[in-house]
N, C-alpha and C. Protein backbone atom coordinates (compact mmCIF):
# COMPACT_ATOMS: atom_id res chain seq x y z
N UNK A 1 -18.70 0.95 191.72
CA UNK A 1 -17.63 0.13 192.23
C UNK A 1 -17.90 -0.15 193.71
N UNK A 2 -17.78 -1.42 194.07
CA UNK A 2 -18.00 -1.82 195.45
C UNK A 2 -16.73 -1.63 196.26
N UNK A 3 -16.89 -1.46 197.56
CA UNK A 3 -15.77 -1.41 198.49
C UNK A 3 -15.74 -2.74 199.24
N UNK A 4 -14.62 -3.42 199.20
CA UNK A 4 -14.46 -4.73 199.83
C UNK A 4 -13.36 -4.62 200.88
N UNK A 5 -13.63 -5.11 202.09
CA UNK A 5 -12.60 -5.14 203.12
C UNK A 5 -11.91 -6.50 203.07
N UNK A 6 -10.58 -6.47 203.04
CA UNK A 6 -9.78 -7.68 202.97
C UNK A 6 -8.69 -7.63 204.04
N UNK A 7 -8.09 -8.78 204.28
CA UNK A 7 -6.96 -8.89 205.20
C UNK A 7 -5.76 -9.43 204.43
N UNK A 8 -4.65 -8.73 204.55
CA UNK A 8 -3.40 -9.19 203.98
C UNK A 8 -2.35 -9.12 205.08
N UNK A 9 -1.80 -10.25 205.40
CA UNK A 9 -0.80 -10.37 206.45
C UNK A 9 -1.30 -9.76 207.77
N UNK A 10 -2.59 -10.00 208.05
CA UNK A 10 -3.18 -9.53 209.30
C UNK A 10 -3.57 -8.07 209.32
N UNK A 11 -3.37 -7.36 208.25
CA UNK A 11 -3.68 -5.93 208.16
C UNK A 11 -4.93 -5.76 207.29
N UNK A 12 -5.88 -4.96 207.75
CA UNK A 12 -7.10 -4.73 206.99
C UNK A 12 -6.93 -3.65 205.93
N UNK A 13 -7.54 -3.87 204.79
CA UNK A 13 -7.52 -2.91 203.68
C UNK A 13 -8.92 -2.86 203.08
N UNK A 14 -9.33 -1.68 202.65
CA UNK A 14 -10.57 -1.52 201.92
C UNK A 14 -10.19 -1.24 200.47
N UNK A 15 -10.64 -2.12 199.57
CA UNK A 15 -10.28 -2.03 198.17
C UNK A 15 -11.51 -1.81 197.31
N UNK A 16 -11.34 -1.04 196.24
CA UNK A 16 -12.41 -0.89 195.26
C UNK A 16 -12.46 -2.13 194.40
N UNK A 17 -13.66 -2.57 194.09
CA UNK A 17 -13.84 -3.79 193.30
C UNK A 17 -15.00 -3.60 192.33
N UNK A 18 -14.78 -3.85 191.04
CA UNK A 18 -15.89 -3.72 190.09
C UNK A 18 -16.95 -4.79 190.38
N UNK A 19 -18.18 -4.47 190.06
CA UNK A 19 -19.28 -5.42 190.24
C UNK A 19 -18.93 -6.74 189.55
N UNK A 20 -19.14 -7.82 190.25
CA UNK A 20 -18.86 -9.13 189.69
C UNK A 20 -17.40 -9.56 189.79
N UNK A 21 -16.54 -8.71 190.32
CA UNK A 21 -15.12 -9.03 190.41
C UNK A 21 -14.69 -9.54 191.77
N UNK A 22 -15.64 -9.79 192.66
CA UNK A 22 -15.31 -10.19 194.02
C UNK A 22 -14.49 -11.47 194.09
N UNK A 23 -14.84 -12.45 193.27
CA UNK A 23 -14.13 -13.73 193.29
C UNK A 23 -12.69 -13.55 192.85
N UNK A 24 -12.50 -12.84 191.75
CA UNK A 24 -11.15 -12.60 191.24
C UNK A 24 -10.32 -11.80 192.23
N UNK A 25 -10.94 -10.77 192.85
CA UNK A 25 -10.22 -9.98 193.83
C UNK A 25 -9.85 -10.85 195.03
N UNK A 26 -10.77 -11.68 195.47
CA UNK A 26 -10.50 -12.59 196.58
C UNK A 26 -9.35 -13.53 196.28
N UNK A 27 -9.30 -14.03 195.06
CA UNK A 27 -8.21 -14.91 194.66
C UNK A 27 -6.88 -14.16 194.65
N UNK A 28 -6.90 -12.94 194.14
CA UNK A 28 -5.68 -12.12 194.10
C UNK A 28 -5.20 -11.81 195.50
N UNK A 29 -6.13 -11.43 196.38
CA UNK A 29 -5.77 -11.14 197.77
C UNK A 29 -5.17 -12.39 198.42
N UNK A 30 -5.77 -13.53 198.16
CA UNK A 30 -5.25 -14.78 198.71
C UNK A 30 -3.82 -15.07 198.27
N UNK A 31 -3.54 -14.83 196.99
CA UNK A 31 -2.19 -15.07 196.47
C UNK A 31 -1.19 -14.10 197.08
N UNK A 32 -1.58 -12.82 197.18
CA UNK A 32 -0.69 -11.82 197.77
C UNK A 32 -0.45 -12.12 199.24
N UNK A 33 -1.52 -12.45 199.97
CA UNK A 33 -1.38 -12.77 201.39
C UNK A 33 -0.47 -13.98 201.58
N UNK A 34 -0.69 -15.01 200.79
CA UNK A 34 0.14 -16.21 200.89
C UNK A 34 1.61 -15.90 200.61
N UNK A 35 1.86 -15.12 199.56
CA UNK A 35 3.24 -14.79 199.19
C UNK A 35 3.90 -13.95 200.29
N UNK A 36 3.17 -12.97 200.82
CA UNK A 36 3.75 -12.12 201.86
C UNK A 36 3.99 -12.89 203.15
N UNK A 37 3.05 -13.71 203.55
CA UNK A 37 3.20 -14.50 204.79
C UNK A 37 4.35 -15.48 204.68
N UNK A 38 4.54 -16.05 203.50
CA UNK A 38 5.64 -16.99 203.29
C UNK A 38 6.98 -16.29 203.48
N UNK A 39 7.11 -15.07 202.96
CA UNK A 39 8.35 -14.30 203.11
C UNK A 39 8.53 -13.91 204.58
N UNK A 40 7.47 -13.43 205.21
CA UNK A 40 7.55 -13.04 206.62
C UNK A 40 7.92 -14.23 207.49
N UNK A 41 7.30 -15.37 207.24
CA UNK A 41 7.52 -16.56 208.06
C UNK A 41 8.92 -17.15 207.88
N UNK A 42 9.57 -16.82 206.78
CA UNK A 42 10.95 -17.28 206.58
C UNK A 42 11.87 -16.61 207.61
N UNK A 43 11.41 -15.48 208.18
CA UNK A 43 12.10 -14.85 209.28
C UNK A 43 13.25 -13.92 208.95
N UNK A 44 13.57 -13.75 207.69
CA UNK A 44 14.72 -12.92 207.36
C UNK A 44 14.35 -11.45 207.19
N UNK A 45 13.10 -11.17 206.83
CA UNK A 45 12.68 -9.80 206.55
C UNK A 45 11.46 -9.50 207.40
N UNK A 46 11.47 -8.35 208.07
CA UNK A 46 10.37 -7.99 208.95
C UNK A 46 9.57 -6.78 208.45
N UNK A 47 10.19 -5.89 207.68
CA UNK A 47 9.53 -4.66 207.23
C UNK A 47 8.45 -4.99 206.20
N UNK A 48 7.22 -4.54 206.48
CA UNK A 48 6.08 -4.83 205.62
C UNK A 48 6.30 -4.35 204.18
N UNK A 49 6.91 -3.19 204.00
CA UNK A 49 7.11 -2.67 202.65
C UNK A 49 8.08 -3.54 201.86
N UNK A 50 9.11 -4.01 202.49
CA UNK A 50 10.07 -4.89 201.80
C UNK A 50 9.43 -6.24 201.48
N UNK A 51 8.63 -6.74 202.40
CA UNK A 51 7.92 -7.99 202.16
C UNK A 51 6.99 -7.83 200.96
N UNK A 52 6.28 -6.69 200.90
CA UNK A 52 5.34 -6.45 199.80
C UNK A 52 6.07 -6.38 198.46
N UNK A 53 7.20 -5.70 198.44
CA UNK A 53 7.96 -5.58 197.19
C UNK A 53 8.46 -6.95 196.74
N UNK A 54 9.01 -7.73 197.66
CA UNK A 54 9.50 -9.06 197.30
C UNK A 54 8.36 -9.97 196.83
N UNK A 55 7.22 -9.89 197.52
CA UNK A 55 6.06 -10.70 197.11
C UNK A 55 5.60 -10.29 195.71
N UNK A 56 5.54 -8.98 195.45
CA UNK A 56 5.12 -8.50 194.13
C UNK A 56 6.10 -8.98 193.05
N UNK A 57 7.37 -8.91 193.35
CA UNK A 57 8.37 -9.38 192.38
C UNK A 57 8.25 -10.88 192.14
N UNK A 58 8.05 -11.64 193.20
CA UNK A 58 7.88 -13.10 193.04
C UNK A 58 6.65 -13.42 192.20
N UNK A 59 5.54 -12.74 192.48
CA UNK A 59 4.31 -12.98 191.72
C UNK A 59 4.48 -12.56 190.26
N UNK A 60 5.13 -11.42 190.04
CA UNK A 60 5.36 -10.94 188.67
C UNK A 60 6.27 -11.91 187.92
N UNK A 61 7.30 -12.40 188.59
CA UNK A 61 8.20 -13.36 187.97
C UNK A 61 7.44 -14.63 187.57
N UNK A 62 6.59 -15.10 188.48
CA UNK A 62 5.79 -16.29 188.17
C UNK A 62 4.90 -16.06 186.95
N UNK A 63 4.33 -14.86 186.83
CA UNK A 63 3.47 -14.56 185.68
C UNK A 63 4.25 -14.49 184.38
N UNK A 64 5.44 -13.91 184.44
CA UNK A 64 6.22 -13.78 183.21
C UNK A 64 6.85 -15.10 182.81
N UNK A 65 6.94 -16.04 183.76
CA UNK A 65 7.52 -17.35 183.48
C UNK A 65 6.53 -18.28 182.78
N UNK A 66 5.24 -17.92 182.83
CA UNK A 66 4.20 -18.76 182.22
C UNK A 66 3.87 -18.26 180.82
N UNK A 67 3.60 -19.19 179.91
CA UNK A 67 3.11 -18.74 178.60
C UNK A 67 1.68 -18.21 178.75
N UNK A 68 1.33 -17.24 177.95
CA UNK A 68 -0.04 -16.72 177.98
C UNK A 68 -0.99 -17.83 177.57
N UNK A 69 -2.10 -17.94 178.28
CA UNK A 69 -3.09 -18.96 177.94
C UNK A 69 -4.31 -18.31 177.36
N UNK A 70 -4.96 -18.99 176.47
CA UNK A 70 -6.20 -18.49 175.89
C UNK A 70 -7.35 -19.13 176.65
N UNK A 71 -8.22 -18.29 177.19
CA UNK A 71 -9.35 -18.78 177.95
C UNK A 71 -10.55 -18.98 177.03
N UNK A 72 -11.57 -19.61 177.55
CA UNK A 72 -12.75 -19.94 176.74
C UNK A 72 -13.36 -18.70 176.11
N UNK A 73 -13.26 -17.55 176.78
CA UNK A 73 -13.87 -16.33 176.25
C UNK A 73 -13.07 -15.73 175.12
N UNK A 74 -11.86 -16.28 174.90
CA UNK A 74 -11.03 -15.74 173.84
C UNK A 74 -10.05 -14.71 174.35
N UNK A 75 -10.15 -14.30 175.63
CA UNK A 75 -9.22 -13.35 176.20
C UNK A 75 -7.93 -14.07 176.54
N UNK A 76 -6.82 -13.36 176.45
CA UNK A 76 -5.57 -13.96 176.86
C UNK A 76 -5.46 -13.92 178.37
N UNK A 77 -4.47 -14.59 178.92
CA UNK A 77 -4.24 -14.62 180.37
C UNK A 77 -3.88 -13.24 180.88
N UNK A 78 -3.38 -13.18 182.08
CA UNK A 78 -3.02 -11.91 182.71
C UNK A 78 -2.04 -11.17 181.83
N UNK A 79 -2.33 -9.92 181.53
CA UNK A 79 -1.46 -9.13 180.68
C UNK A 79 -0.53 -8.28 181.52
N UNK A 80 0.49 -7.71 180.88
CA UNK A 80 1.40 -6.83 181.60
C UNK A 80 0.66 -5.58 182.08
N UNK A 81 -0.39 -5.18 181.37
CA UNK A 81 -1.21 -4.04 181.80
C UNK A 81 -1.93 -4.38 183.09
N UNK A 82 -2.49 -5.60 183.18
CA UNK A 82 -3.15 -6.04 184.42
C UNK A 82 -2.17 -6.05 185.57
N UNK A 83 -0.97 -6.59 185.34
CA UNK A 83 0.04 -6.67 186.38
C UNK A 83 0.47 -5.27 186.81
N UNK A 84 0.68 -4.39 185.86
CA UNK A 84 1.06 -3.01 186.17
C UNK A 84 -0.02 -2.34 187.01
N UNK A 85 -1.26 -2.54 186.65
CA UNK A 85 -2.38 -1.97 187.40
C UNK A 85 -2.42 -2.51 188.82
N UNK A 86 -2.20 -3.82 188.98
CA UNK A 86 -2.19 -4.43 190.31
C UNK A 86 -1.05 -3.85 191.16
N UNK A 87 0.13 -3.72 190.57
CA UNK A 87 1.26 -3.16 191.32
C UNK A 87 1.00 -1.71 191.71
N UNK A 88 0.37 -0.93 190.84
CA UNK A 88 0.04 0.46 191.17
C UNK A 88 -0.96 0.50 192.33
N UNK A 89 -1.96 -0.38 192.32
CA UNK A 89 -2.94 -0.41 193.41
C UNK A 89 -2.29 -0.83 194.72
N UNK A 90 -1.36 -1.80 194.66
CA UNK A 90 -0.64 -2.21 195.87
C UNK A 90 0.18 -1.04 196.42
N UNK A 91 0.87 -0.32 195.54
CA UNK A 91 1.66 0.83 195.97
C UNK A 91 0.77 1.88 196.62
N UNK A 92 -0.40 2.15 196.03
CA UNK A 92 -1.31 3.16 196.58
C UNK A 92 -1.82 2.75 197.95
N UNK A 93 -2.19 1.49 198.11
CA UNK A 93 -2.70 1.02 199.40
C UNK A 93 -1.62 1.10 200.46
N UNK A 94 -0.41 0.65 200.12
CA UNK A 94 0.68 0.68 201.08
C UNK A 94 1.06 2.11 201.43
N UNK A 95 1.03 3.00 200.45
CA UNK A 95 1.36 4.40 200.72
C UNK A 95 0.32 5.04 201.64
N UNK A 96 -0.96 4.74 201.42
CA UNK A 96 -2.03 5.27 202.29
C UNK A 96 -1.88 4.75 203.71
N UNK A 97 -1.34 3.55 203.81
CA UNK A 97 -1.18 2.91 205.12
C UNK A 97 0.15 3.31 205.76
N UNK A 98 0.85 4.25 205.11
CA UNK A 98 2.15 4.73 205.59
C UNK A 98 3.16 3.58 205.75
N UNK A 99 3.01 2.57 204.95
CA UNK A 99 3.92 1.44 205.01
C UNK A 99 5.00 1.51 203.96
N UNK A 100 4.80 2.31 202.93
CA UNK A 100 5.75 2.39 201.84
C UNK A 100 6.42 3.74 201.87
N UNK A 101 7.72 3.75 201.94
CA UNK A 101 8.47 5.01 202.05
C UNK A 101 8.82 5.51 200.66
């Protein structure tokens, strides 16, 4: 597993990434960063942990609002297991960064 350094809302994180998963991880980081920055820029919430939770909920809501799509490989779209795994990794990163109480 590779270690990839990313920036989310101006904060650096080192994430584990399976070989060949760099593009997907980059896309996920981009979506999370965009969602968090949008909430922060709205000016109502300043705490990073609250911003992260709201961004995660918004992204999860968007995923559950879409019908599952079948890709060319025959795999279905993002599953609830994938989403759960992503949320667990976000919680772990934020906890290590002492941002999540």
